[in-house]
Amino acid sequence: MSDELFLKSPYDMSPELGIHTQDIPGQKARYAMSLAERMALVAAVEDGEDSSGRAKARLATPTEIAQRACAITSALFAEMDAYGWILRTDDWDTLVNRFEKHKKDSRAAKSKGQTLEPAK
């Protein structure tokens, strides 16, 4: 996974930090994450047996839950990447440059009475 920070200035106001994610989960990946959210974090841990021999359980500690969540996330994204369900985009500067070029080309085409295909 690759994220990058950038400065943005919406409507020429004070600058803010933005996050551009270069690896975007596709539809199947988002569905898999939704399933994992519902199923994966069982908050009970085996805790021996009671005097009758029945299994006992205890609530997982916050640290155990965090470690499990990170392990599941790592495994989930590795598996989704293996399936090709993670969509890759260019870095922020490349996207902005491509957009600016398309905007410039569109204006030039419009001034000549032509139309331009959408940017790819």
PDB file of N, CA and C in Angstrom:
ATOM      1  N   MET A   1       0.850  -1.172   0.000  1.00  0.00           N
ATOM      2  CA  MET A   1       0.000   0.000   0.000  1.00  0.00           C
ATOM      3  C   MET A   1       0.889   1.227   0.000  1.00  0.00           C
ATOM      4  N   SER A   2       0.480   2.220  -0.739  1.00  0.00           N
ATOM      5  CA  SER A   2       1.293   3.417  -0.836  1.00  0.00           C
ATOM      6  C   SER A   2       0.405   4.651  -0.727  1.00  0.00           C
ATOM      7  N   ASP A   3       0.678   5.461   0.281  1.00  0.00           N
ATOM      8  CA  ASP A   3      -0.037   6.721   0.467  1.00  0.00           C
ATOM      9  C   ASP A   3       0.979   7.846   0.432  1.00  0.00           C
ATOM     10  N   GLU A   4       0.545   9.013   0.008  1.00  0.00           N
ATOM     11  CA  GLU A   4       1.423  10.166   0.064  1.00  0.00           C
ATOM     12  C   GLU A   4       0.632  11.381   0.513  1.00  0.00           C
ATOM     13  N   LEU A   5       1.302  12.244   1.237  1.00  0.00           N
ATOM     14  CA  LEU A   5       0.693  13.490   1.694  1.00  0.00           C
ATOM     15  C   LEU A   5       0.928  14.568   0.649  1.00  0.00           C
ATOM     16  N   PHE A   6      -0.027  15.483   0.526  1.00  0.00           N
ATOM     17  CA  PHE A   6       0.158  16.626  -0.356  1.00  0.00           C
ATOM     18  C   PHE A   6      -0.574  17.812   0.243  1.00  0.00           C
ATOM     19  N   LEU A   7      -0.157  18.999  -0.159  1.00  0.00           N
ATOM     20  CA  LEU A   7      -0.834  20.215   0.282  1.00  0.00           C
ATOM     21  C   LEU A   7      -1.910  20.555  -0.729  1.00  0.00           C
ATOM     22  N   LYS A   8      -3.076  20.885  -0.236  1.00  0.00           N
ATOM     23  CA  LYS A   8      -4.152  21.319  -1.121  1.00  0.00           C
ATOM     24  C   LYS A   8      -4.691  22.635  -0.583  1.00  0.00           C
ATOM     25  N   SER A   9      -5.238  23.405  -1.469  1.00  0.00           N
ATOM     26  CA  SER A   9      -5.782  24.695  -1.077  1.00  0.00           C
ATOM     27  C   SER A   9      -7.157  24.835  -1.717  1.00  0.00           C
ATOM     28  N   PRO A  10      -8.198  24.321  -1.037  1.00  0.00           N
ATOM     29  CA  PRO A  10      -9.531  24.370  -1.641  1.00  0.00           C
ATOM     30  C   PRO A  10     -10.023  25.811  -1.774  1.00  0.00           C
ATOM     31  N   TYR A  11     -10.450  26.147  -2.984  1.00  0.00           N
ATOM     32  CA  TYR A  11     -11.025  27.468  -3.255  1.00  0.00           C
ATOM     33  C   TYR A  11     -10.081  28.593  -2.829  1.00  0.00           C
ATOM     34  N   ASP A  12      -8.773  28.369  -3.016  1.00  0.00           N
ATOM     35  CA  ASP A  12      -7.745  29.365  -2.687  1.00  0.00           C
ATOM     36  C   ASP A  12      -7.806  29.834  -1.248  1.00  0.00           C
ATOM     37  N   MET A  13      -8.210  28.963  -0.351  1.00  0.00           N
ATOM     38  CA  MET A  13      -8.217  29.281   1.064  1.00  0.00           C
ATOM     39  C   MET A  13      -6.934  28.746   1.689  1.00  0.00           C
ATOM     40  N   SER A  14      -6.882  28.725   3.002  1.00  0.00           N
ATOM     41  CA  SER A  14      -5.665  28.264   3.665  1.00  0.00           C
ATOM     42  C   SER A  14      -5.384  26.813   3.295  1.00  0.00           C
ATOM     43  N   PRO A  15      -4.107  26.480   3.150  1.00  0.00           N
ATOM     44  CA  PRO A  15      -3.744  25.122   2.733  1.00  0.00           C
ATOM     45  C   PRO A  15      -4.086  24.066   3.785  1.00  0.00           C
ATOM     46  N   GLU A  16      -4.377  22.878   3.302  1.00  0.00           N
ATOM     47  CA  GLU A  16      -4.661  21.727   4.153  1.00  0.00           C
ATOM     48  C   GLU A  16      -3.818  20.568   3.651  1.00  0.00           C
ATOM     49  N   LEU A  17      -3.600  19.605   4.528  1.00  0.00           N
ATOM     50  CA  LEU A  17      -2.932  18.375   4.101  1.00  0.00           C
ATOM     51  C   LEU A  17      -3.973  17.417   3.537  1.00  0.00           C
ATOM     52  N   GLY A  18      -3.632  16.772   2.450  1.00  0.00           N
ATOM     53  CA  GLY A  18      -4.489  15.747   1.874  1.00  0.00           C
ATOM     54  C   GLY A  18      -3.705  14.452   1.785  1.00  0.00           C
ATOM     55  N   ILE A  19      -4.413  13.355   1.631  1.00  0.00           N
ATOM     56  CA  ILE A  19      -3.772  12.057   1.462  1.00  0.00           C
ATOM     57  C   ILE A  19      -4.210  11.489   0.117  1.00  0.00           C
ATOM     58  N   HIS A  20      -3.232  11.149  -0.697  1.00  0.00           N
ATOM     59  CA  HIS A  20      -3.504  10.514  -1.978  1.00  0.00           C
ATOM     60  C   HIS A  20      -3.090   9.052  -1.849  1.00  0.00           C
ATOM     61  N   THR A  21      -4.032   8.154  -2.014  1.00  0.00           N
ATOM     62  CA  THR A  21      -3.772   6.723  -1.929  1.00  0.00           C
ATOM     63  C   THR A  21      -3.545   6.184  -3.332  1.00  0.00           C
ATOM     64  N   GLN A  22      -2.415   5.545  -3.531  1.00  0.00           N
ATOM     65  CA  GLN A  22      -2.100   5.008  -4.849  1.00  0.00           C
ATOM     66  C   GLN A  22      -2.615   3.593  -5.048  1.00  0.00           C
ATOM     67  N   ASP A  23      -2.942   2.894  -3.981  1.00  0.00           N
ATOM     68  CA  ASP A  23      -3.483   1.535  -4.078  1.00  0.00           C
ATOM     69  C   ASP A  23      -4.912   1.575  -3.572  1.00  0.00           C
ATOM     70  N   ILE A  24      -5.854   1.362  -4.475  1.00  0.00           N
ATOM     71  CA  ILE A  24      -7.263   1.521  -4.144  1.00  0.00           C
ATOM     72  C   ILE A  24      -7.954   0.160  -4.211  1.00  0.00           C
ATOM     73  N   PRO A  25      -8.621  -0.259  -3.117  1.00  0.00           N
ATOM     74  CA  PRO A  25      -9.341  -1.534  -3.166  1.00  0.00           C
ATOM     75  C   PRO A  25     -10.482  -1.476  -4.188  1.00  0.00           C
ATOM     76  N   GLY A  26     -10.540  -2.475  -5.048  1.00  0.00           N
ATOM     77  CA  GLY A  26     -11.634  -2.568  -6.000  1.00  0.00           C
ATOM     78  C   GLY A  26     -12.891  -3.103  -5.313  1.00  0.00           C
ATOM     79  N   GLN A  27     -13.945  -3.320  -6.078  1.00  0.00           N
ATOM     80  CA  GLN A  27     -15.232  -3.742  -5.526  1.00  0.00           C
ATOM     81  C   GLN A  27     -15.124  -5.052  -4.745  1.00  0.00           C
ATOM     82  N   LYS A  28     -14.451  -6.050  -5.293  1.00  0.00           N
ATOM     83  CA  LYS A  28     -14.317  -7.330  -4.596  1.00  0.00           C
ATOM     84  C   LYS A  28     -13.501  -7.167  -3.330  1.00  0.00           C
ATOM     85  N   ALA A  29     -12.456  -6.354  -3.377  1.00  0.00           N
ATOM     86  CA  ALA A  29     -11.631  -6.121  -2.186  1.00  0.00           C
ATOM     87  C   ALA A  29     -12.454  -5.426  -1.103  1.00  0.00           C
ATOM     88  N   ARG A  30     -13.281  -4.443  -1.474  1.00  0.00           N
ATOM     89  CA  ARG A  30     -14.117  -3.759  -0.480  1.00  0.00           C
ATOM     90  C   ARG A  30     -15.117  -4.732   0.146  1.00  0.00           C
ATOM     91  N   TYR A  31     -15.643  -5.651  -0.649  1.00  0.00           N
ATOM     92  CA  TYR A  31     -16.563  -6.651  -0.115  1.00  0.00           C
ATOM     93  C   TYR A  31     -15.831  -7.583   0.860  1.00  0.00           C
ATOM     94  N   ALA A  32     -14.625  -8.005   0.484  1.00  0.00           N
ATOM     95  CA  ALA A  32     -13.837  -8.870   1.373  1.00  0.00           C
ATOM     96  C   ALA A  32     -13.537  -8.155   2.692  1.00  0.00           C
ATOM     97  N   MET A  33     -13.206  -6.859   2.625  1.00  0.00           N
ATOM     98  CA  MET A  33     -12.935  -6.103   3.853  1.00  0.00           C
ATOM     99  C   MET A  33     -14.190  -5.993   4.711  1.00  0.00           C
ATOM    100  N   SER A  34     -15.334  -5.828   4.066  1.00  0.00           N
ATOM    101  CA  SER A  34     -16.591  -5.744   4.799  1.00  0.00           C
ATOM    102  C   SER A  34     -16.868  -7.046   5.542  1.00  0.00           C
ATOM    103  N   LEU A  35     -16.613  -8.174   4.872  1.00  0.00           N
ATOM    104  CA  LEU A  35     -16.772  -9.466   5.541  1.00  0.00           C
ATOM    105  C   LEU A  35     -15.809  -9.595   6.711  1.00  0.00           C
ATOM    106  N   ALA A  36     -14.569  -9.183   6.503  1.00  0.00           N
ATOM    107  CA  ALA A  36     -13.566  -9.279   7.563  1.00  0.00           C
ATOM    108  C   ALA A  36     -13.959  -8.418   8.762  1.00  0.00           C
ATOM    109  N   GLU A  37     -14.528  -7.249   8.510  1.00  0.00           N
ATOM    110  CA  GLU A  37     -14.963  -6.379   9.606  1.00  0.00           C
ATOM    111  C   GLU A  37     -16.005  -7.085  10.474  1.00  0.00           C
ATOM    112  N   ARG A  38     -16.863  -7.850   9.853  1.00  0.00           N
ATOM    113  CA  ARG A  38     -17.950  -8.496  10.585  1.00  0.00           C
ATOM    114  C   ARG A  38     -17.529  -9.811  11.246  1.00  0.00           C
ATOM    115  N   MET A  39     -16.588 -10.519  10.630  1.00  0.00           N
ATOM    116  CA  MET A  39     -16.288 -11.867  11.077  1.00  0.00           C
ATOM    117  C   MET A  39     -14.980 -12.013  11.838  1.00  0.00           C
ATOM    118  N   ALA A  40     -14.004 -11.180  11.559  1.00  0.00           N
ATOM    119  CA  ALA A  40     -12.638 -11.499  11.939  1.00  0.00           C
ATOM    120  C   ALA A  40     -12.246 -11.164  13.368  1.00  0.00           C
ATOM    121  N   LEU A  41     -12.872 -10.222  13.982  1.00  0.00           N
ATOM    122  CA  LEU A  41     -12.404  -9.775  15.294  1.00  0.00           C
ATOM    123  C   LEU A  41     -13.239 -10.349  16.428  1.00  0.00           C
ATOM    124  N   VAL A  42     -13.238 -11.642  16.540  1.00  0.00           N
ATOM    125  CA  VAL A  42     -13.911 -12.273  17.668  1.00  0.00           C
ATOM    126  C   VAL A  42     -13.130 -11.889  18.913  1.00  0.00           C
ATOM    127  N   ALA A  43     -13.812 -11.261  19.857  1.00  0.00           N
ATOM    128  CA  ALA A  43     -13.112 -10.669  20.994  1.00  0.00           C
ATOM    129  C   ALA A  43     -12.977 -11.617  22.180  1.00  0.00           C
ATOM    130  N   ALA A  44     -13.183 -12.898  21.967  1.00  0.00           N
ATOM    131  CA  ALA A  44     -13.043 -13.865  23.060  1.00  0.00           C
ATOM    132  C   ALA A  44     -11.818 -14.733  22.801  1.00  0.00           C
ATOM    133  N   VAL A  45     -11.130 -15.057  23.887  1.00  0.00           N
ATOM    134  CA  VAL A  45      -9.926 -15.871  23.815  1.00  0.00           C
ATOM    135  C   VAL A  45     -10.102 -17.032  24.797  1.00  0.00           C
ATOM    136  N   GLU A  46      -9.669 -18.226  24.381  1.00  0.00           N
ATOM    137  CA  GLU A  46      -9.740 -19.370  25.295  1.00  0.00           C
ATOM    138  C   GLU A  46      -8.989 -19.053  26.572  1.00  0.00           C
ATOM    139  N   ASP A  47      -9.584 -19.474  27.696  1.00  0.00           N
ATOM    140  CA  ASP A  47      -8.969 -19.164  28.995  1.00  0.00           C
ATOM    141  C   ASP A  47      -9.077 -20.372  29.927  1.00  0.00           C
ATOM    142  N   GLY A  48      -8.651 -21.512  29.396  1.00  0.00           N
ATOM    143  CA  GLY A  48      -8.658 -22.718  30.227  1.00  0.00           C
ATOM    144  C   GLY A  48     -10.033 -23.348  30.333  1.00  0.00           C
ATOM    145  N   GLU A  49     -10.231 -24.059  31.460  1.00  0.00           N
ATOM    146  CA  GLU A  49     -11.497 -24.759  31.702  1.00  0.00           C
ATOM    147  C   GLU A  49     -12.000 -24.406  33.092  1.00  0.00           C
ATOM    148  N   ASP A  50     -13.329 -24.532  33.243  1.00  0.00           N
ATOM    149  CA  ASP A  50     -13.884 -24.344  34.589  1.00  0.00           C
ATOM    150  C   ASP A  50     -13.781 -25.676  35.341  1.00  0.00           C
ATOM    151  N   SER A  51     -14.298 -25.741  36.570  1.00  0.00           N
ATOM    152  CA  SER A  51     -14.164 -26.936  37.404  1.00  0.00           C
ATOM    153  C   SER A  51     -14.892 -28.149  36.827  1.00  0.00           C
ATOM    154  N   SER A  52     -15.831 -27.926  35.900  1.00  0.00           N
ATOM    155  CA  SER A  52     -16.546 -29.035  35.266  1.00  0.00           C
ATOM    156  C   SER A  52     -15.906 -29.461  33.948  1.00  0.00           C
ATOM    157  N   GLY A  53     -14.814 -28.830  33.580  1.00  0.00           N
ATOM    158  CA  GLY A  53     -14.128 -29.207  32.349  1.00  0.00           C
ATOM    159  C   GLY A  53     -14.614 -28.475  31.108  1.00  0.00           C
ATOM    160  N   ARG A  54     -15.516 -27.521  31.292  1.00  0.00           N
ATOM    161  CA  ARG A  54     -16.004 -26.750  30.138  1.00  0.00           C
ATOM    162  C   ARG A  54     -15.002 -25.641  29.804  1.00  0.00           C
ATOM    163  N   ALA A  55     -14.910 -25.350  28.517  1.00  0.00           N
ATOM    164  CA  ALA A  55     -13.986 -24.295  28.090  1.00  0.00           C
ATOM    165  C   ALA A  55     -14.448 -22.949  28.636  1.00  0.00           C
ATOM    166  N   LYS A  56     -13.481 -22.174  29.075  1.00  0.00           N
ATOM    167  CA  LYS A  56     -13.754 -20.816  29.523  1.00  0.00           C
ATOM    168  C   LYS A  56     -13.211 -19.849  28.473  1.00  0.00           C
ATOM    169  N   ALA A  57     -13.803 -18.701  28.424  1.00  0.00           N
ATOM    170  CA  ALA A  57     -13.338 -17.659  27.508  1.00  0.00           C
ATOM    171  C   ALA A  57     -13.215 -16.352  28.279  1.00  0.00           C
ATOM    172  N   ARG A  58     -12.341 -15.507  27.794  1.00  0.00           N
ATOM    173  CA  ARG A  58     -12.196 -14.174  28.371  1.00  0.00           C
ATOM    174  C   ARG A  58     -12.208 -13.170  27.229  1.00  0.00           C
ATOM    175  N   LEU A  59     -12.478 -11.936  27.562  1.00  0.00           N
ATOM    176  CA  LEU A  59     -12.391 -10.898  26.544  1.00  0.00           C
ATOM    177  C   LEU A  59     -10.940 -10.688  26.163  1.00  0.00           C
ATOM    178  N   ALA A  60     -10.694 -10.506  24.885  1.00  0.00           N
ATOM    179  CA  ALA A  60      -9.343 -10.205  24.433  1.00  0.00           C
ATOM    180  C   ALA A  60      -8.958  -8.815  24.920  1.00  0.00           C
ATOM    181  N   THR A  61      -7.692  -8.634  25.200  1.00  0.00           N
ATOM    182  CA  THR A  61      -7.212  -7.318  25.617  1.00  0.00           C
ATOM    183  C   THR A  61      -7.169  -6.395  24.398  1.00  0.00           C
ATOM    184  N   PRO A  62      -7.167  -5.088  24.621  1.00  0.00           N
ATOM    185  CA  PRO A  62      -7.033  -4.166  23.484  1.00  0.00           C
ATOM    186  C   PRO A  62      -5.781  -4.448  22.641  1.00  0.00           C
ATOM    187  N   THR A  63      -4.682  -4.797  23.287  1.00  0.00           N
ATOM    188  CA  THR A  63      -3.457  -5.120  22.545  1.00  0.00           C
ATOM    189  C   THR A  63      -3.665  -6.353  21.669  1.00  0.00           C
ATOM    190  N   GLU A  64      -4.310  -7.384  22.208  1.00  0.00           N
ATOM    191  CA  GLU A  64      -4.576  -8.596  21.417  1.00  0.00           C
ATOM    192  C   GLU A  64      -5.492  -8.285  20.235  1.00  0.00           C
ATOM    193  N   ILE A  65      -6.490  -7.455  20.470  1.00  0.00           N
ATOM    194  CA  ILE A  65      -7.415  -7.080  19.384  1.00  0.00           C
ATOM    195  C   ILE A  65      -6.667  -6.307  18.308  1.00  0.00           C
ATOM    196  N   ALA A  66      -5.822  -5.358  18.718  1.00  0.00           N
ATOM    197  CA  ALA A  66      -5.057  -4.559  17.750  1.00  0.00           C
ATOM    198  C   ALA A  66      -4.125  -5.453  16.935  1.00  0.00           C
ATOM    199  N   GLN A  67      -3.443  -6.388  17.610  1.00  0.00           N
ATOM    200  CA  GLN A  67      -2.532  -7.291  16.899  1.00  0.00           C
ATOM    201  C   GLN A  67      -3.298  -8.169  15.915  1.00  0.00           C
ATOM    202  N   ARG A  68      -4.459  -8.668  16.319  1.00  0.00           N
ATOM    203  CA  ARG A  68      -5.275  -9.501  15.429  1.00  0.00           C
ATOM    204  C   ARG A  68      -5.779  -8.691  14.238  1.00  0.00           C
ATOM    205  N   ALA A  69      -6.230  -7.487  14.498  1.00  0.00           N
ATOM    206  CA  ALA A  69      -6.725  -6.628  13.415  1.00  0.00           C
ATOM    207  C   ALA A  69      -5.618  -6.354  12.396  1.00  0.00           C
ATOM    208  N   CYS A  70      -4.400  -6.073  12.883  1.00  0.00           N
ATOM    209  CA  CYS A  70      -3.285  -5.812  11.974  1.00  0.00           C
ATOM    210  C   CYS A  70      -2.900  -7.067  11.196  1.00  0.00           C
ATOM    211  N   ALA A  71      -2.887  -8.216  11.857  1.00  0.00           N
ATOM    212  CA  ALA A  71      -2.564  -9.470  11.176  1.00  0.00           C
ATOM    213  C   ALA A  71      -3.600  -9.788  10.097  1.00  0.00           C
ATOM    214  N   ILE A  72      -4.861  -9.591  10.424  1.00  0.00           N
ATOM    215  CA  ILE A  72      -5.936  -9.839   9.449  1.00  0.00           C
ATOM    216  C   ILE A  72      -5.818  -8.866   8.283  1.00  0.00           C
ATOM    217  N   THR A  73      -5.570  -7.595   8.579  1.00  0.00           N
ATOM    218  CA  THR A  73      -5.437  -6.584   7.527  1.00  0.00           C
ATOM    219  C   THR A  73      -4.288  -6.932   6.594  1.00  0.00           C
ATOM    220  N   SER A  74      -3.150  -7.301   7.168  1.00  0.00           N
ATOM    221  CA  SER A  74      -1.987  -7.653   6.360  1.00  0.00           C
ATOM    222  C   SER A  74      -2.288  -8.855   5.462  1.00  0.00           C
ATOM    223  N   ALA A  75      -2.874  -9.890   6.037  1.00  0.00           N
ATOM    224  CA  ALA A  75      -3.209 -11.089   5.264  1.00  0.00           C
ATOM    225  C   ALA A  75      -4.262 -10.795   4.201  1.00  0.00           C
ATOM    226  N   LEU A  76      -5.251  -9.990   4.562  1.00  0.00           N
ATOM    227  CA  LEU A  76      -6.340  -9.658   3.641  1.00  0.00           C
ATOM    228  C   LEU A  76      -5.815  -8.892   2.429  1.00  0.00           C
ATOM    229  N   PHE A  77      -4.978  -7.873   2.678  1.00  0.00           N
ATOM    230  CA  PHE A  77      -4.461  -7.094   1.557  1.00  0.00           C
ATOM    231  C   PHE A  77      -3.485  -7.904   0.709  1.00  0.00           C
ATOM    232  N   ALA A  78      -2.681  -8.766   1.314  1.00  0.00           N
ATOM    233  CA  ALA A  78      -1.780  -9.619   0.542  1.00  0.00           C
ATOM    234  C   ALA A  78      -2.592 -10.551  -0.365  1.00  0.00           C
ATOM    235  N   GLU A  79      -3.649 -11.121   0.181  1.00  0.00           N
ATOM    236  CA  GLU A  79      -4.489 -12.038  -0.609  1.00  0.00           C
ATOM    237  C   GLU A  79      -5.220 -11.290  -1.725  1.00  0.00           C
ATOM    238  N   MET A  80      -5.770 -10.110  -1.397  1.00  0.00           N
ATOM    239  CA  MET A  80      -6.485  -9.332  -2.420  1.00  0.00           C
ATOM    240  C   MET A  80      -5.530  -8.878  -3.514  1.00  0.00           C
ATOM    241  N   ASP A  81      -4.289  -8.541  -3.143  1.00  0.00           N
ATOM    242  CA  ASP A  81      -3.291  -8.153  -4.138  1.00  0.00           C
ATOM    243  C   ASP A  81      -2.963  -9.337  -5.039  1.00  0.00           C
ATOM    244  N   ALA A  82      -2.862 -10.536  -4.455  1.00  0.00           N
ATOM    245  CA  ALA A  82      -2.592 -11.740  -5.246  1.00  0.00           C
ATOM    246  C   ALA A  82      -3.721 -12.009  -6.249  1.00  0.00           C
ATOM    247  N   TYR A  83      -4.950 -11.683  -5.873  1.00  0.00           N
ATOM    248  CA  TYR A  83      -6.096 -11.853  -6.768  1.00  0.00           C
ATOM    249  C   TYR A  83      -6.192 -10.730  -7.799  1.00  0.00           C
ATOM    250  N   GLY A  84      -5.396  -9.687  -7.639  1.00  0.00           N
ATOM    251  CA  GLY A  84      -5.457  -8.553  -8.560  1.00  0.00           C
ATOM    252  C   GLY A  84      -6.607  -7.609  -8.258  1.00  0.00           C
ATOM    253  N   TRP A  85      -7.069  -7.602  -7.018  1.00  0.00           N
ATOM    254  CA  TRP A  85      -8.217  -6.773  -6.645  1.00  0.00           C
ATOM    255  C   TRP A  85      -7.834  -5.386  -6.152  1.00  0.00           C
ATOM    256  N   ILE A  86      -6.531  -5.088  -6.109  1.00  0.00           N
ATOM    257  CA  ILE A  86      -6.086  -3.761  -5.693  1.00  0.00           C
ATOM    258  C   ILE A  86      -5.775  -2.962  -6.950  1.00  0.00           C
ATOM    259  N   LEU A  87      -6.404  -1.827  -7.094  1.00  0.00           N
ATOM    260  CA  LEU A  87      -6.212  -0.967  -8.256  1.00  0.00           C
ATOM    261  C   LEU A  87      -5.077   0.006  -7.964  1.00  0.00           C
ATOM    262  N   ARG A  88      -4.180   0.192  -8.920  1.00  0.00           N
ATOM    263  CA  ARG A  88      -3.040   1.080  -8.724  1.00  0.00           C
ATOM    264  C   ARG A  88      -3.257   2.378  -9.508  1.00  0.00           C
ATOM    265  N   THR A  89      -2.937   3.495  -8.886  1.00  0.00           N
ATOM    266  CA  THR A  89      -2.976   4.780  -9.579  1.00  0.00           C
ATOM    267  C   THR A  89      -1.581   5.386  -9.564  1.00  0.00           C
ATOM    268  N   ASP A  90      -1.401   6.414 -10.345  1.00  0.00           N
ATOM    269  CA  ASP A  90      -0.129   7.125 -10.377  1.00  0.00           C
ATOM    270  C   ASP A  90       0.017   7.992  -9.135  1.00  0.00           C
ATOM    271  N   ASP A  91       1.228   8.503  -8.925  1.00  0.00           N
ATOM    272  CA  ASP A  91       1.441   9.415  -7.816  1.00  0.00           C
ATOM    273  C   ASP A  91       0.694  10.728  -8.089  1.00  0.00           C
ATOM    274  N   TRP A  92       0.535  11.534  -7.052  1.00  0.00           N
ATOM    275  CA  TRP A  92      -0.278  12.745  -7.115  1.00  0.00           C
ATOM    276  C   TRP A  92       0.210  13.711  -8.191  1.00  0.00           C
ATOM    277  N   ASP A  93       1.513  13.966  -8.255  1.00  0.00           N
ATOM    278  CA  ASP A  93       2.041  14.919  -9.233  1.00  0.00           C
ATOM    279  C   ASP A  93       1.751  14.474 -10.660  1.00  0.00           C
ATOM    280  N   THR A  94       1.888  13.189 -10.928  1.00  0.00           N
ATOM    281  CA  THR A  94       1.592  12.672 -12.269  1.00  0.00           C
ATOM    282  C   THR A  94       0.119  12.865 -12.619  1.00  0.00           C
ATOM    283  N   LEU A  95      -0.769  12.589 -11.657  1.00  0.00           N
ATOM    284  CA  LEU A  95      -2.200  12.787 -11.905  1.00  0.00           C
ATOM    285  C   LEU A  95      -2.522  14.250 -12.173  1.00  0.00           C
ATOM    286  N   VAL A  96      -1.955  15.151 -11.367  1.00  0.00           N
ATOM    287  CA  VAL A  96      -2.207  16.583 -11.562  1.00  0.00           C
ATOM    288  C   VAL A  96      -1.675  17.023 -12.920  1.00  0.00           C
ATOM    289  N   ASN A  97      -0.462  16.604 -13.278  1.00  0.00           N
ATOM    290  CA  ASN A  97       0.111  16.980 -14.582  1.00  0.00           C
ATOM    291  C   ASN A  97      -0.734  16.448 -15.738  1.00  0.00           C
ATOM    292  N   ARG A  98      -1.215  15.210 -15.606  1.00  0.00           N
ATOM    293  CA  ARG A  98      -2.064  14.631 -16.649  1.00  0.00           C
ATOM    294  C   ARG A  98      -3.369  15.415 -16.782  1.00  0.00           C
ATOM    295  N   PHE A  99      -3.956  15.796 -15.649  1.00  0.00           N
ATOM    296  CA  PHE A  99      -5.193  16.578 -15.657  1.00  0.00           C
ATOM    297  C   PHE A  99      -4.955  17.940 -16.308  1.00  0.00           C
ATOM    298  N   GLU A 100      -3.873  18.609 -15.917  1.00  0.00           N
ATOM    299  CA  GLU A 100      -3.569  19.931 -16.486  1.00  0.00           C
ATOM    300  C   GLU A 100      -3.340  19.843 -17.994  1.00  0.00           C
ATOM    301  N   LYS A 101      -2.636  18.798 -18.441  1.00  0.00           N
ATOM    302  CA  LYS A 101      -2.406  18.618 -19.875  1.00  0.00           C
ATOM    303  C   LYS A 101      -3.719  18.389 -20.603  1.00  0.00           C
ATOM    304  N   HIS A 102      -4.582  17.562 -20.027  1.00  0.00           N
ATOM    305  CA  HIS A 102      -5.873  17.294 -20.662  1.00  0.00           C
ATOM    306  C   HIS A 102      -6.715  18.573 -20.732  1.00  0.00           C
ATOM    307  N   LYS A 103      -6.676  19.359 -19.662  1.00  0.00           N
ATOM    308  CA  LYS A 103      -7.428  20.610 -19.645  1.00  0.00           C
ATOM    309  C   LYS A 103      -6.916  21.549 -20.750  1.00  0.00           C
ATOM    310  N   LYS A 104      -5.596  21.656 -20.877  1.00  0.00           N
ATOM    311  CA  LYS A 104      -4.987  22.507 -21.899  1.00  0.00           C
ATOM    312  C   LYS A 104      -5.342  22.004 -23.298  1.00  0.00           C
ATOM    313  N   ASP A 105      -5.222  20.677 -23.503  1.00  0.00           N
ATOM    314  CA  ASP A 105      -5.557  20.088 -24.804  1.00  0.00           C
ATOM    315  C   ASP A 105      -7.032  20.279 -25.134  1.00  0.00           C
ATOM    316  N   SER A 106      -7.898  20.196 -24.128  1.00  0.00           N
ATOM    317  CA  SER A 106      -9.338  20.380 -24.339  1.00  0.00           C
ATOM    318  C   SER A 106      -9.640  21.797 -24.790  1.00  0.00           C
ATOM    319  N   ARG A 107      -8.976  22.755 -24.150  1.00  0.00           N
ATOM    320  CA  ARG A 107      -9.188  24.163 -24.544  1.00  0.00           C
ATOM    321  C   ARG A 107      -8.726  24.402 -25.980  1.00  0.00           C
ATOM    322  N   ALA A 108      -7.574  23.829 -26.326  1.00  0.00           N
ATOM    323  CA  ALA A 108      -7.040  23.988 -27.680  1.00  0.00           C
ATOM    324  C   ALA A 108      -7.984  23.350 -28.705  1.00  0.00           C
ATOM    325  N   ALA A 109      -8.482  22.167 -28.395  1.00  0.00           N
ATOM    326  CA  ALA A 109      -9.401  21.477 -29.306  1.00  0.00           C
ATOM    327  C   ALA A 109     -10.704  22.258 -29.444  1.00  0.00           C
ATOM    328  N   LYS A 110     -11.204  22.786 -28.333  1.00  0.00           N
ATOM    329  CA  LYS A 110     -12.460  23.547 -28.360  1.00  0.00           C
ATOM    330  C   LYS A 110     -12.308  24.800 -29.215  1.00  0.00           C
ATOM    331  N   SER A 111     -11.156  25.469 -29.122  1.00  0.00           N
ATOM    332  CA  SER A 111     -10.941  26.687 -29.914  1.00  0.00           C
ATOM    333  C   SER A 111     -10.906  26.375 -31.412  1.00  0.00           C
ATOM    334  N   LYS A 112     -10.607  25.116 -31.773  1.00  0.00           N
ATOM    335  CA  LYS A 112     -10.588  24.700 -33.176  1.00  0.00           C
ATOM    336  C   LYS A 112     -11.901  24.029 -33.576  1.00  0.00           C
ATOM    337  N   GLY A 113     -12.873  23.998 -32.640  1.00  0.00           N
ATOM    338  CA  GLY A 113     -14.154  23.377 -32.931  1.00  0.00           C
ATOM    339  C   GLY A 113     -14.122  21.864 -32.878  1.00  0.00           C
ATOM    340  N   GLN A 114     -13.119  21.310 -32.217  1.00  0.00           N
ATOM    341  CA  GLN A 114     -12.981  19.869 -32.119  1.00  0.00           C
ATOM    342  C   GLN A 114     -13.382  19.414 -30.708  1.00  0.00           C
ATOM    343  N   THR A 115     -13.563  18.123 -30.564  1.00  0.00           N
ATOM    344  CA  THR A 115     -13.780  17.569 -29.228  1.00  0.00           C
ATOM    345  C   THR A 115     -12.625  16.651 -28.902  1.00  0.00           C
ATOM    346  N   LEU A 116     -12.401  16.468 -27.618  1.00  0.00           N
ATOM    347  CA  LEU A 116     -11.287  15.651 -27.158  1.00  0.00           C
ATOM    348  C   LEU A 116     -11.835  14.463 -26.394  1.00  0.00           C
ATOM    349  N   GLU A 117     -11.221  13.307 -26.585  1.00  0.00           N
ATOM    350  CA  GLU A 117     -11.620  12.113 -25.826  1.00  0.00           C
ATOM    351  C   GLU A 117     -11.325  12.337 -24.355  1.00  0.00           C
ATOM    352  N   PRO A 118     -12.084  11.686 -23.452  1.00  0.00           N
ATOM    353  CA  PRO A 118     -11.785  11.810 -22.024  1.00  0.00           C
ATOM    354  C   PRO A 118     -10.350  11.363 -21.720  1.00  0.00           C
ATOM    355  N   ALA A 119      -9.775  11.967 -20.683  1.00  0.00           N
ATOM    356  CA  ALA A 119      -8.409  11.606 -20.275  1.00  0.00           C
ATOM    357  C   ALA A 119      -8.367  10.178 -19.784  1.00  0.00           C
ATOM    358  N   LYS A 120      -7.265   9.509 -20.051  1.00  0.00           N
ATOM    359  CA  LYS A 120      -7.093   8.132 -19.587  1.00  0.00           C
ATOM    360  C   LYS A 120      -5.975   8.078 -18.600  1.00  0.00           C
TER     361      LYS A 120
END
